[in-house]
N, C-alpha and C. Protein backbone atom coordinates (compact mmCIF):
# COMPACT_ATOMS: atom_id res chain seq x y z
N MET A 1 310.96 149.23 28.67
CA MET A 1 311.45 147.99 29.37
C MET A 1 312.14 147.24 27.61
N ASP A 2 313.18 146.79 28.10
CA ASP A 2 314.16 146.80 26.49
C ASP A 2 312.61 145.25 25.33
N THR A 3 313.38 144.69 24.86
CA THR A 3 312.72 143.47 24.51
C THR A 3 313.30 142.20 24.79
N GLN A 4 314.44 141.98 25.20
CA GLN A 4 314.54 140.35 25.96
C GLN A 4 313.91 140.61 26.97
N ALA A 5 314.03 142.25 27.98
CA ALA A 5 313.34 141.56 29.23
C ALA A 5 311.49 141.13 29.09
N MET A 6 311.60 141.61 27.91
CA MET A 6 309.73 141.19 27.39
C MET A 6 309.75 139.79 27.00
N ARG A 7 311.35 139.08 26.34
CA ARG A 7 310.78 138.00 26.48
C ARG A 7 311.21 136.64 27.41
N THR A 8 311.49 137.21 28.74
CA THR A 8 311.52 136.36 29.61
C THR A 8 310.90 135.61 30.15
N PRO A 9 310.61 134.27 29.84
CA PRO A 9 309.51 132.81 30.03
C PRO A 9 309.08 133.65 31.56
N ALA A 10 307.41 134.15 31.62
CA ALA A 10 307.08 133.51 32.90
C ALA A 10 306.40 132.92 32.96
N SER A 11 306.18 132.42 34.25
CA SER A 11 305.49 131.63 35.14
C SER A 11 304.33 132.64 35.88
N VAL A 12 303.29 132.30 35.79
CA VAL A 12 302.25 133.37 36.75
C VAL A 12 301.69 132.35 37.83
N TYR A 13 301.36 133.05 39.24
CA TYR A 13 300.43 132.28 40.01
C TYR A 13 299.61 133.44 40.60
N ALA A 14 298.06 132.48 40.81
CA ALA A 14 296.99 133.48 41.55
C ALA A 14 297.00 134.02 43.26
N GLU A 15 296.48 134.79 43.74
CA GLU A 15 296.87 135.45 44.73
C GLU A 15 295.55 135.93 44.69
N ALA A 16 294.55 135.85 46.59
CA ALA A 16 293.11 136.67 45.87
C ALA A 16 293.85 137.86 47.08
N THR A 17 292.60 138.71 46.75
CA THR A 17 292.52 139.81 47.84
C THR A 17 291.38 140.26 48.49
N PRO A 18 291.55 141.29 49.19
CA PRO A 18 290.64 141.06 50.02
C PRO A 18 288.70 141.75 49.27
N ASN A 19 288.62 141.68 48.43
CA ASN A 19 287.83 142.34 47.89
C ASN A 19 287.25 140.68 46.86
N PRO A 20 285.90 140.04 46.94
CA PRO A 20 285.92 138.88 46.58
C PRO A 20 286.32 139.48 44.72
N ALA A 21 285.33 140.63 44.55
CA ALA A 21 285.80 140.19 42.94
C ALA A 21 286.74 140.89 42.18
N THR A 22 287.60 140.55 43.44
CA THR A 22 289.46 141.01 42.51
C THR A 22 289.68 139.72 42.61
N MET A 23 290.83 139.64 41.30
CA MET A 23 291.89 138.29 42.02
C MET A 23 293.08 138.56 41.71
N ARG A 24 294.24 138.07 42.40
CA ARG A 24 295.60 139.29 41.61
C ARG A 24 296.65 138.08 41.05
N PHE A 25 297.13 138.43 39.66
CA PHE A 25 297.78 137.45 38.89
C PHE A 25 298.84 137.93 38.86
N VAL A 26 300.50 137.11 39.63
CA VAL A 26 301.48 137.48 39.44
C VAL A 26 302.54 136.88 39.05
N ALA A 27 303.19 137.77 37.80
CA ALA A 27 304.82 137.44 37.23
C ALA A 27 305.66 137.37 37.65
N GLY A 28 306.42 136.36 36.74
CA GLY A 28 307.94 136.23 37.65
C GLY A 28 308.53 137.11 36.82
N ARG A 29 307.92 138.57 36.08
CA ARG A 29 308.79 139.20 36.20
C ARG A 29 308.12 140.44 35.99
N LEU A 30 308.85 141.51 35.70
CA LEU A 30 308.44 142.96 36.08
C LEU A 30 307.43 142.70 34.25
N LEU A 31 306.44 143.98 34.93
CA LEU A 31 305.29 143.70 33.71
C LEU A 31 305.44 145.25 32.74
N VAL A 32 305.84 145.73 34.21
CA VAL A 32 305.96 147.81 33.30
C VAL A 32 306.78 148.35 34.40
N PRO A 33 307.93 149.16 34.06
CA PRO A 33 308.87 149.85 34.62
C PRO A 33 308.43 149.89 36.34
N GLU A 34 309.49 149.48 37.51
CA GLU A 34 308.90 150.17 38.69
C GLU A 34 308.69 151.26 39.15
N GLY A 35 307.24 151.71 39.80
CA GLY A 35 306.86 152.95 40.29
C GLY A 35 305.36 152.72 39.29
N ARG A 36 305.46 152.44 38.51
CA ARG A 36 304.56 152.44 37.57
C ARG A 36 303.10 151.45 37.39
N MET A 37 301.98 152.44 37.70
CA MET A 37 300.72 152.34 37.25
C MET A 37 299.65 152.34 36.63
N MET A 38 298.59 151.41 35.85
CA MET A 38 297.62 151.66 35.52
C MET A 38 296.17 151.01 35.77
N GLU A 39 295.22 151.53 35.40
CA GLU A 39 294.30 151.34 35.45
C GLU A 39 293.06 151.34 34.39
N PHE A 40 292.38 150.25 34.01
CA PHE A 40 291.61 150.39 32.92
C PHE A 40 290.18 150.02 33.58
N ALA A 41 288.73 150.53 33.03
CA ALA A 41 287.72 150.31 33.94
C ALA A 41 287.11 150.09 32.17
N THR A 42 287.59 150.00 31.44
CA THR A 42 286.96 149.82 29.73
C THR A 42 287.72 149.20 28.98
N PRO A 43 287.65 148.03 27.94
CA PRO A 43 288.19 147.29 27.07
C PRO A 43 288.88 148.79 25.61
N GLU A 44 287.99 149.54 26.08
CA GLU A 44 288.29 151.10 25.08
C GLU A 44 289.90 152.11 25.47
N GLU A 45 289.66 151.51 27.22
CA GLU A 45 290.65 152.73 27.46
C GLU A 45 291.85 151.87 28.02
N ALA A 46 291.92 150.77 27.76
CA ALA A 46 293.23 149.73 26.92
C ALA A 46 293.48 149.63 25.91
N GLU A 47 292.73 149.61 25.09
CA GLU A 47 293.54 149.23 23.26
C GLU A 47 294.23 150.31 22.86
N ALA A 48 294.82 151.23 23.29
CA ALA A 48 295.44 151.63 22.52
C ALA A 48 296.99 152.20 23.60
N VAL A 49 296.63 151.67 24.74
CA VAL A 49 298.23 151.48 25.67
C VAL A 49 298.45 149.74 26.20
N SER A 50 297.50 149.26 26.74
CA SER A 50 298.01 148.00 26.95
C SER A 50 297.57 146.86 26.06
N PRO A 51 297.94 145.74 25.06
CA PRO A 51 297.58 144.28 24.94
C PRO A 51 298.07 143.79 25.97
N LEU A 52 298.32 143.19 26.93
CA LEU A 52 298.11 142.54 28.34
C LEU A 52 296.40 142.59 28.49
N ALA A 53 295.85 143.95 28.91
CA ALA A 53 294.90 144.72 29.41
C ALA A 53 293.46 144.05 28.34
N ALA A 54 293.99 144.67 26.90
CA ALA A 54 293.18 144.35 26.10
C ALA A 54 292.74 142.97 25.87
N HIS A 55 293.92 142.26 26.16
CA HIS A 55 293.59 140.13 26.27
C HIS A 55 292.29 140.03 26.94
N VAL A 56 293.09 140.53 28.36
CA VAL A 56 292.09 140.11 29.05
C VAL A 56 291.00 141.05 29.42
N PHE A 57 290.70 141.73 28.89
CA PHE A 57 289.01 142.02 28.50
C PHE A 57 288.22 141.13 27.65
N ASN A 58 289.50 140.76 26.68
CA ASN A 58 288.48 139.44 26.09
C ASN A 58 287.14 139.01 26.62
N LEU A 59 287.69 138.64 27.78
CA LEU A 59 286.93 137.80 28.26
C LEU A 59 286.08 138.24 28.90
N PRO A 60 284.56 137.77 28.60
CA PRO A 60 282.46 138.36 29.21
C PRO A 60 282.52 138.96 30.44
N PHE A 61 283.36 138.11 31.59
CA PHE A 61 282.86 138.59 32.36
C PHE A 61 283.49 139.58 33.47
N VAL A 62 284.96 139.52 32.36
CA VAL A 62 285.79 140.97 33.46
C VAL A 62 285.67 142.14 33.18
N THR A 63 285.96 143.16 34.22
CA THR A 63 285.17 144.61 35.00
C THR A 63 285.96 145.29 34.42
N GLY A 64 287.43 145.06 35.07
CA GLY A 64 288.77 145.76 35.38
C GLY A 64 289.90 145.20 35.41
N VAL A 65 290.75 146.20 35.23
CA VAL A 65 291.69 145.75 35.17
C VAL A 65 293.24 146.77 35.55
N PHE A 66 294.07 146.29 36.33
CA PHE A 66 294.69 147.25 37.42
C PHE A 66 296.71 146.13 36.92
N ILE A 67 297.51 147.17 36.47
CA ILE A 67 298.98 146.70 36.74
C ILE A 67 299.80 147.59 37.29
N SER A 68 300.58 146.95 37.18
CA SER A 68 301.67 146.97 38.32
C SER A 68 302.95 146.66 38.62
N GLU A 69 304.17 147.23 38.17
CA GLU A 69 305.13 146.54 38.25
C GLU A 69 305.00 144.55 37.79
N ASN A 70 304.51 144.08 38.90
CA ASN A 70 305.24 142.68 38.21
C ASN A 70 303.69 141.43 38.33
N PHE A 71 302.79 142.35 38.35
CA PHE A 71 301.29 142.46 38.50
C PHE A 71 299.80 142.30 38.38
N ILE A 72 298.91 141.72 37.68
CA ILE A 72 297.74 142.08 36.94
C ILE A 72 296.45 141.92 37.87
N THR A 73 295.77 142.77 38.43
CA THR A 73 294.59 142.74 39.26
C THR A 73 293.32 142.96 38.26
N VAL A 74 292.23 141.64 38.07
CA VAL A 74 291.76 141.48 37.77
C VAL A 74 290.45 141.03 38.29
N THR A 75 289.02 142.24 38.20
CA THR A 75 287.90 142.50 38.49
C THR A 75 287.05 142.48 37.88
N LYS A 76 286.17 140.99 37.88
CA LYS A 76 285.52 140.49 37.00
C LYS A 76 283.71 141.03 37.87
N ASN A 77 282.62 140.38 37.17
CA ASN A 77 281.07 141.04 37.20
C ASN A 77 280.51 139.66 38.65
N ASN A 78 279.48 139.67 38.46
CA ASN A 78 278.82 138.53 39.79
C ASN A 78 277.95 137.51 38.65
N SER A 79 278.44 137.42 36.85
CA SER A 79 278.00 135.55 36.56
C SER A 79 278.68 135.06 36.55
N ILE A 80 279.74 134.98 37.28
CA ILE A 80 280.43 133.97 37.19
C ILE A 80 281.65 133.66 38.60
N ASP A 81 282.13 132.77 39.45
CA ASP A 81 282.70 132.33 40.35
C ASP A 81 284.04 132.34 40.14
N TRP A 82 285.00 132.65 40.96
CA TRP A 82 286.35 132.46 40.66
C TRP A 82 287.12 131.46 41.11
N ASP A 83 286.12 130.31 41.81
CA ASP A 83 286.74 128.95 41.38
C ASP A 83 287.01 128.29 39.96
N LEU A 84 285.36 128.77 39.37
CA LEU A 84 285.44 128.25 37.54
C LEU A 84 286.33 128.89 37.16
N VAL A 85 286.38 129.87 36.87
CA VAL A 85 287.44 131.03 36.38
C VAL A 85 289.06 130.92 35.93
N GLN A 86 289.61 130.92 37.56
CA GLN A 86 290.95 130.99 38.49
C GLN A 86 292.05 130.45 37.86
N GLY A 87 291.65 129.20 37.41
CA GLY A 87 293.08 128.64 36.99
C GLY A 87 293.19 128.64 35.34
N GLU A 88 291.71 129.05 34.48
CA GLU A 88 292.36 129.46 33.03
C GLU A 88 292.81 130.91 33.16
N LEU A 89 292.17 131.33 34.07
CA LEU A 89 292.39 132.83 33.93
C LEU A 89 294.03 132.57 34.36
N ARG A 90 294.94 132.41 34.97
CA ARG A 90 296.08 132.69 34.89
C ARG A 90 296.68 131.94 33.83
N GLU A 91 296.34 131.03 33.18
CA GLU A 91 297.36 130.07 32.19
C GLU A 91 297.24 130.75 31.28
N TYR A 92 295.43 131.33 30.58
CA TYR A 92 295.49 132.97 29.63
C TYR A 92 296.10 133.97 29.56
N ILE A 93 296.70 134.06 31.02
CA ILE A 93 297.75 135.86 31.53
C ILE A 93 299.20 134.91 31.19
N GLN A 94 299.11 133.56 31.35
CA GLN A 94 300.94 133.47 31.44
C GLN A 94 300.95 133.17 29.58
N GLU A 95 300.01 132.55 29.18
CA GLU A 95 300.59 132.21 27.70
C GLU A 95 300.49 133.74 27.25
N PHE A 96 299.82 134.40 27.30
CA PHE A 96 299.94 135.67 26.32
C PHE A 96 301.31 136.62 26.95
N LEU A 97 301.48 136.16 27.79
CA LEU A 97 303.36 136.87 28.35
C LEU A 97 303.67 135.69 27.96
N ASN A 98 303.86 134.87 27.46
CA ASN A 98 305.10 133.76 26.74
C ASN A 98 305.06 133.92 25.50
N THR A 99 303.96 134.72 25.25
CA THR A 99 304.07 135.31 23.60
C THR A 99 303.98 136.56 23.04
N ASP A 100 303.12 136.88 23.06
CA ASP A 100 302.42 138.09 23.10
C ASP A 100 304.07 139.05 23.19
N GLY A 101 303.39 139.41 25.18
CA GLY A 101 304.73 139.34 25.98
C GLY A 101 304.24 141.06 26.69
N ARG A 102 303.33 141.81 25.55
CA ARG A 102 303.03 143.56 25.91
C ARG A 102 302.36 143.61 26.64
N ALA A 103 302.92 144.33 27.79
CA ALA A 103 301.88 144.63 29.09
C ALA A 103 301.72 146.52 28.85
N VAL A 104 303.07 147.19 27.63
CA VAL A 104 302.65 148.00 27.50
C VAL A 104 303.05 147.86 26.07
N LEU A 105 302.24 148.99 25.14
CA LEU A 105 302.66 149.55 24.08
C LEU A 105 304.27 150.41 24.10
N ALA A 106 304.81 149.92 22.96
CA ALA A 106 305.71 151.08 22.97
C ALA A 106 305.40 152.57 22.12
N ASP A 107 304.92 152.30 21.55
CA ASP A 107 304.49 153.75 21.01
C ASP A 107 302.92 153.97 21.41
N ALA A 108 302.82 153.63 22.88
CA ALA A 108 301.11 154.44 23.31
C ALA A 108 301.29 155.43 23.85
N PRO A 109 300.31 156.43 22.68
CA PRO A 109 299.42 157.90 23.23
C PRO A 109 299.89 158.07 24.37
N ALA A 110 300.55 159.73 24.06
CA ALA A 110 301.49 159.56 26.01
C ALA A 110 299.60 160.45 26.94
N GLN A 111 298.93 160.33 25.66
CA GLN A 111 297.90 161.38 26.95
C GLN A 111 297.08 159.59 27.17
N GLN A 112 296.66 158.55 26.79
CA GLN A 112 296.23 157.58 27.09
C GLN A 112 297.06 157.37 28.36
N LEU A 113 298.18 157.13 28.15
CA LEU A 113 298.85 156.33 29.20
C LEU A 113 299.16 157.21 30.30
N ALA A 114 299.22 158.31 30.28
CA ALA A 114 299.15 159.48 31.25
C ALA A 114 297.72 159.44 31.73
N ASP A 115 296.79 158.94 31.13
CA ASP A 115 294.95 158.95 31.76
C ASP A 115 295.02 157.99 32.86
N ALA A 116 295.98 156.34 32.60
CA ALA A 116 295.42 154.84 32.77
C ALA A 116 296.29 155.88 34.34
N ASN A 117 297.28 155.79 34.33
CA ASN A 117 298.66 156.24 35.68
C ASN A 117 297.67 156.79 36.13
N GLU A 118 296.56 158.22 36.33
CA GLU A 118 295.81 158.97 36.86
C GLU A 118 294.99 157.95 37.08
N ARG A 119 293.92 157.41 36.55
CA ARG A 119 293.25 156.05 37.15
C ARG A 119 293.98 155.49 37.84
N ALA A 120 295.45 154.88 38.60
CA ALA A 120 295.23 153.69 39.37
C ALA A 120 295.88 154.90 40.43
N VAL A 121 295.90 155.73 39.85
CA VAL A 121 297.39 156.73 41.31
C VAL A 121 296.81 158.24 42.49
N SER A 122 295.80 159.15 41.46
CA SER A 122 295.72 160.12 41.79
C SER A 122 294.29 160.16 43.17
N HIS A 123 294.26 161.31 43.61
CA HIS A 123 293.60 161.34 45.02
C HIS A 123 292.35 162.11 43.99
N ALA A 124 291.14 161.84 44.56
CA ALA A 124 289.95 162.81 44.56
C ALA A 124 290.20 163.68 44.88
N LYS A 125 289.35 164.70 44.00
CA LYS A 125 289.51 166.47 43.98
C LYS A 125 288.42 166.65 45.32
N PRO A 126 289.67 167.33 46.39
CA PRO A 126 289.12 168.04 47.99
C PRO A 126 287.49 168.65 47.95
N ASN A 127 287.24 168.61 48.20
CA ASN A 127 285.55 170.03 48.55
C ASN A 127 285.71 170.63 49.85
N SER A 128 286.67 170.19 50.33
CA SER A 128 286.22 171.29 51.76
C SER A 128 287.64 171.55 52.07
N LYS A 129 288.19 172.26 53.18
CA LYS A 129 289.36 172.55 54.35
C LYS A 129 290.16 171.08 54.67
N GLU A 130 288.86 170.05 55.00
CA GLU A 130 289.28 169.75 55.48
C GLU A 130 289.56 167.93 54.87
N GLU A 131 288.81 168.38 53.58
CA GLU A 131 289.22 167.29 53.29
C GLU A 131 290.49 167.36 52.77
N GLU A 132 291.01 168.69 52.00
CA GLU A 132 292.42 169.19 51.61
C GLU A 132 293.56 169.11 52.32
N GLN A 133 293.34 168.61 53.75
CA GLN A 133 293.74 168.84 55.79
C GLN A 133 294.36 166.99 55.24
N ILE A 134 292.94 166.31 54.51
CA ILE A 134 293.29 164.34 54.74
C ILE A 134 294.69 164.18 53.89
N ILE A 135 293.86 165.26 52.58
CA ILE A 135 295.05 164.66 51.53
C ILE A 135 296.60 165.39 52.00
N ALA A 136 296.60 166.84 52.53
CA ALA A 136 298.41 166.29 53.15
C ALA A 136 298.47 165.39 53.92
N VAL A 137 297.27 164.70 55.16
CA VAL A 137 297.61 164.01 55.86
C VAL A 137 298.92 162.63 54.95
N LEU A 138 298.16 162.75 53.80
CA LEU A 138 297.96 160.81 53.96
C LEU A 138 299.32 161.44 52.86
N ASP A 139 299.95 162.18 52.05
CA ASP A 139 300.77 162.57 51.46
C ASP A 139 302.13 162.54 51.99
N GLU A 140 302.02 163.35 53.51
CA GLU A 140 303.00 163.63 54.24
C GLU A 140 303.76 162.58 54.98
N TYR A 141 302.54 161.46 55.45
CA TYR A 141 303.15 160.48 56.64
C TYR A 141 302.32 159.44 56.02
N VAL A 142 301.46 158.88 55.42
CA VAL A 142 301.03 157.95 54.86
C VAL A 142 301.87 158.07 53.82
N SER A 143 301.58 158.03 52.62
CA SER A 143 302.23 157.16 51.64
C SER A 143 303.52 157.24 51.32
N PRO A 144 305.00 157.85 52.04
CA PRO A 144 306.00 157.25 52.27
C PRO A 144 306.28 156.13 52.31
N ALA A 145 305.50 155.58 53.79
CA ALA A 145 305.54 154.35 53.69
C ALA A 145 305.04 153.36 53.36
N VAL A 146 303.89 153.42 53.25
CA VAL A 146 303.25 151.79 52.01
C VAL A 146 303.42 152.52 50.21
N ALA A 147 304.29 153.56 49.96
CA ALA A 147 305.01 153.24 49.56
C ALA A 147 306.66 152.17 49.05
N GLY A 148 306.51 152.05 50.27
CA GLY A 148 308.06 151.90 51.24
C GLY A 148 308.35 149.73 50.86
N ASP A 149 306.55 149.87 50.84
CA ASP A 149 306.26 148.50 51.03
C ASP A 149 305.46 147.85 48.69
N GLY A 150 305.93 148.43 48.61
CA GLY A 150 305.39 148.70 46.61
C GLY A 150 304.14 148.97 46.58
N GLY A 151 303.48 149.49 47.53
CA GLY A 151 301.71 149.98 47.51
C GLY A 151 301.57 151.34 47.14
N HIS A 152 300.31 151.97 47.11
CA HIS A 152 299.66 152.94 47.28
C HIS A 152 298.43 153.62 47.80
N ILE A 153 298.38 154.42 48.32
CA ILE A 153 297.10 154.79 49.06
C ILE A 153 296.92 156.04 48.09
N ALA A 154 294.90 156.10 47.97
CA ALA A 154 294.86 157.78 47.66
C ALA A 154 293.22 157.92 48.33
N PHE A 155 293.21 159.50 48.62
CA PHE A 155 292.53 159.58 49.41
C PHE A 155 290.55 159.47 47.90
N LYS A 156 289.59 159.27 48.40
CA LYS A 156 288.38 158.87 47.79
C LYS A 156 286.81 160.19 48.10
N SER A 157 287.14 159.85 49.27
CA SER A 157 285.84 160.67 49.40
C SER A 157 286.04 160.42 51.80
N PHE A 158 284.57 161.74 51.59
CA PHE A 158 284.87 161.82 52.97
C PHE A 158 283.03 162.60 53.28
N LYS A 159 282.99 161.31 53.95
CA LYS A 159 281.27 161.36 54.96
C LYS A 159 280.88 161.27 56.23
N ASP A 160 280.28 162.71 56.74
CA ASP A 160 280.09 161.97 58.20
C ASP A 160 280.97 161.08 59.15
N GLY A 161 282.58 161.59 59.19
CA GLY A 161 282.92 161.21 59.20
C GLY A 161 283.96 159.80 58.68
N ILE A 162 283.90 159.21 57.44
CA ILE A 162 284.01 158.31 57.98
C ILE A 162 285.04 158.78 56.06
N LEU A 163 286.34 158.83 56.63
CA LEU A 163 287.31 158.37 55.49
C LEU A 163 287.29 157.36 54.10
N ALA A 164 287.09 156.96 53.26
CA ALA A 164 287.07 156.07 52.10
C ALA A 164 288.91 156.29 51.40
N VAL A 165 289.18 155.53 51.33
CA VAL A 165 290.42 155.58 50.75
C VAL A 165 291.15 154.81 49.93
N SER A 166 291.15 154.05 48.67
CA SER A 166 291.50 153.15 47.52
C SER A 166 293.09 152.63 48.49
N LEU A 167 292.92 151.46 48.14
CA LEU A 167 294.86 150.60 48.36
C LEU A 167 294.88 150.09 47.11
N ARG A 168 295.84 150.97 46.68
CA ARG A 168 295.94 149.94 45.50
C ARG A 168 298.44 149.12 45.17
N GLY A 169 298.50 148.82 44.31
CA GLY A 169 299.70 148.03 44.46
C GLY A 169 299.46 146.92 44.76
N SER A 170 300.81 146.73 46.28
CA SER A 170 300.83 145.29 46.52
C SER A 170 300.17 145.44 48.03
N CYS A 171 299.26 146.51 48.18
CA CYS A 171 298.31 146.53 49.44
C CYS A 171 297.28 145.60 48.59
N SER A 172 296.88 145.95 47.89
CA SER A 172 295.76 145.26 47.32
C SER A 172 295.59 144.26 47.12
N GLY A 173 296.24 143.44 47.44
CA GLY A 173 296.31 141.82 47.61
C GLY A 173 296.93 141.38 49.20
N CYS A 174 297.55 141.76 49.97
CA CYS A 174 297.68 142.32 51.07
C CYS A 174 296.16 141.75 51.66
N PRO A 175 296.46 140.84 52.57
CA PRO A 175 295.90 140.67 54.16
C PRO A 175 296.15 142.05 55.32
N SER A 176 297.02 141.70 55.49
CA SER A 176 297.88 142.90 56.99
C SER A 176 297.64 144.06 56.24
N SER A 177 296.80 144.58 54.99
CA SER A 177 296.77 145.94 55.25
C SER A 177 295.98 146.67 55.20
N MET A 178 295.16 145.05 55.60
CA MET A 178 293.30 145.86 56.77
C MET A 178 293.66 146.58 57.73
N VAL A 179 295.01 145.36 58.60
CA VAL A 179 295.20 145.59 60.43
C VAL A 179 295.33 146.91 59.74
N THR A 180 296.89 147.19 58.90
CA THR A 180 297.76 148.50 58.91
C THR A 180 296.79 149.41 58.47
N LEU A 181 295.48 149.44 58.03
CA LEU A 181 294.79 150.41 57.99
C LEU A 181 293.56 150.81 59.13
N LYS A 182 293.46 149.96 59.81
CA LYS A 182 292.44 150.06 60.62
C LYS A 182 293.38 150.30 62.57
N GLY A 183 294.43 149.39 62.05
CA GLY A 183 295.49 150.30 63.11
C GLY A 183 297.24 151.35 63.45
N GLY A 184 297.07 151.33 62.01
CA GLY A 184 298.33 152.75 61.89
C GLY A 184 297.26 153.90 60.97
N ILE A 185 296.87 153.61 59.71
CA ILE A 185 296.12 154.60 59.15
C ILE A 185 295.09 155.57 59.79
N GLU A 186 294.37 154.39 60.36
CA GLU A 186 293.16 155.11 61.03
C GLU A 186 293.22 155.62 62.35
N ASN A 187 294.06 155.47 62.75
CA ASN A 187 294.55 155.90 64.63
C ASN A 187 295.17 157.99 64.47
N LEU A 188 295.86 157.28 62.90
CA LEU A 188 296.64 158.79 62.63
C LEU A 188 295.65 159.98 62.12
N MET A 189 295.26 159.40 61.26
CA MET A 189 294.11 160.29 61.30
C MET A 189 293.31 161.00 61.72
N ARG A 190 293.03 160.43 62.37
CA ARG A 190 292.08 161.05 63.81
C ARG A 190 292.29 161.55 64.92
N GLN A 191 294.06 161.48 64.79
CA GLN A 191 294.66 162.66 65.56
C GLN A 191 294.94 163.68 64.71
N MET A 192 295.18 163.54 63.67
CA MET A 192 295.70 164.36 63.11
C MET A 192 294.44 165.69 62.64
N VAL A 193 292.89 164.69 62.03
CA VAL A 193 292.52 165.63 61.75
C VAL A 193 290.86 165.05 62.43
N PRO A 194 290.63 166.37 63.28
CA PRO A 194 289.19 166.01 64.09
C PRO A 194 288.48 164.94 63.91
N GLY A 195 288.25 165.00 62.40
CA GLY A 195 286.59 164.98 62.28
C GLY A 195 286.61 164.09 61.41
N VAL A 196 287.91 163.28 61.02
CA VAL A 196 287.84 161.33 60.82
C VAL A 196 287.03 160.52 62.15
N LYS A 197 286.26 160.05 62.01
CA LYS A 197 286.52 158.72 62.66
C LYS A 197 286.71 157.60 62.60
N GLU A 198 286.40 157.04 61.40
CA GLU A 198 286.68 155.97 61.23
C GLU A 198 287.75 156.46 59.03
N VAL A 199 288.67 154.98 59.53
CA VAL A 199 289.69 155.10 57.90
C VAL A 199 288.94 153.73 56.87
N VAL A 200 288.18 153.77 55.56
CA VAL A 200 287.53 152.28 55.14
C VAL A 200 288.10 152.03 54.18
N ALA A 201 288.95 150.72 53.65
CA ALA A 201 289.18 151.21 51.93
C ALA A 201 287.81 150.85 51.26
N GLU A 202 287.90 151.46 49.71
CA GLU A 202 287.30 151.61 48.35
C GLU A 202 287.72 150.22 48.13
N GLU A 203 286.46 149.54 47.39
CA GLU A 203 286.28 148.67 47.03
C GLU A 203 287.58 148.93 45.09
N LEU A 204 288.65 148.12 45.02
CA LEU A 204 288.43 147.79 44.05
C LEU A 204 287.81 148.26 42.52
């Protein structure tokens, strides 16, 4: 992103997600280029890539950070309730965006940047022909529609007829994604992969 875009004043609002451990903070401007997603599970992963994520990891209750386009999703531990920190964290993120402003370092090492993107978007490695078929169906029939809504879906696991997927991007904070998951994706999967009995969303 260009420097001028980074300096655009940003307002931030908080948004609940289906997962009680996560909160989504939406900025009034792009944080990363469209289509880019990054996920960090530790401060060390964020250090050489994202000043914004590293800044959020300074807070002791943060256990994960996900960044895509104009929002950052923060995962917390059980030591504190969102009611107590949501407002302060929103201001903390907004202040950073309006001072430092960098979501991604311009000279971030290519490998660390690629790793952050892969953590956010990649399928888990298939261990059977059935799992390969599941991934093929997701890629051909499901992913294009989800991407059209600014989200991302990835295969995570398949055991005893239960298919677990991860929902990223806009889907992670959209309550209607659960309706889509059960009413659309689950029905499609049961028709196209006979072994699938249920589709569930893996928590972020």
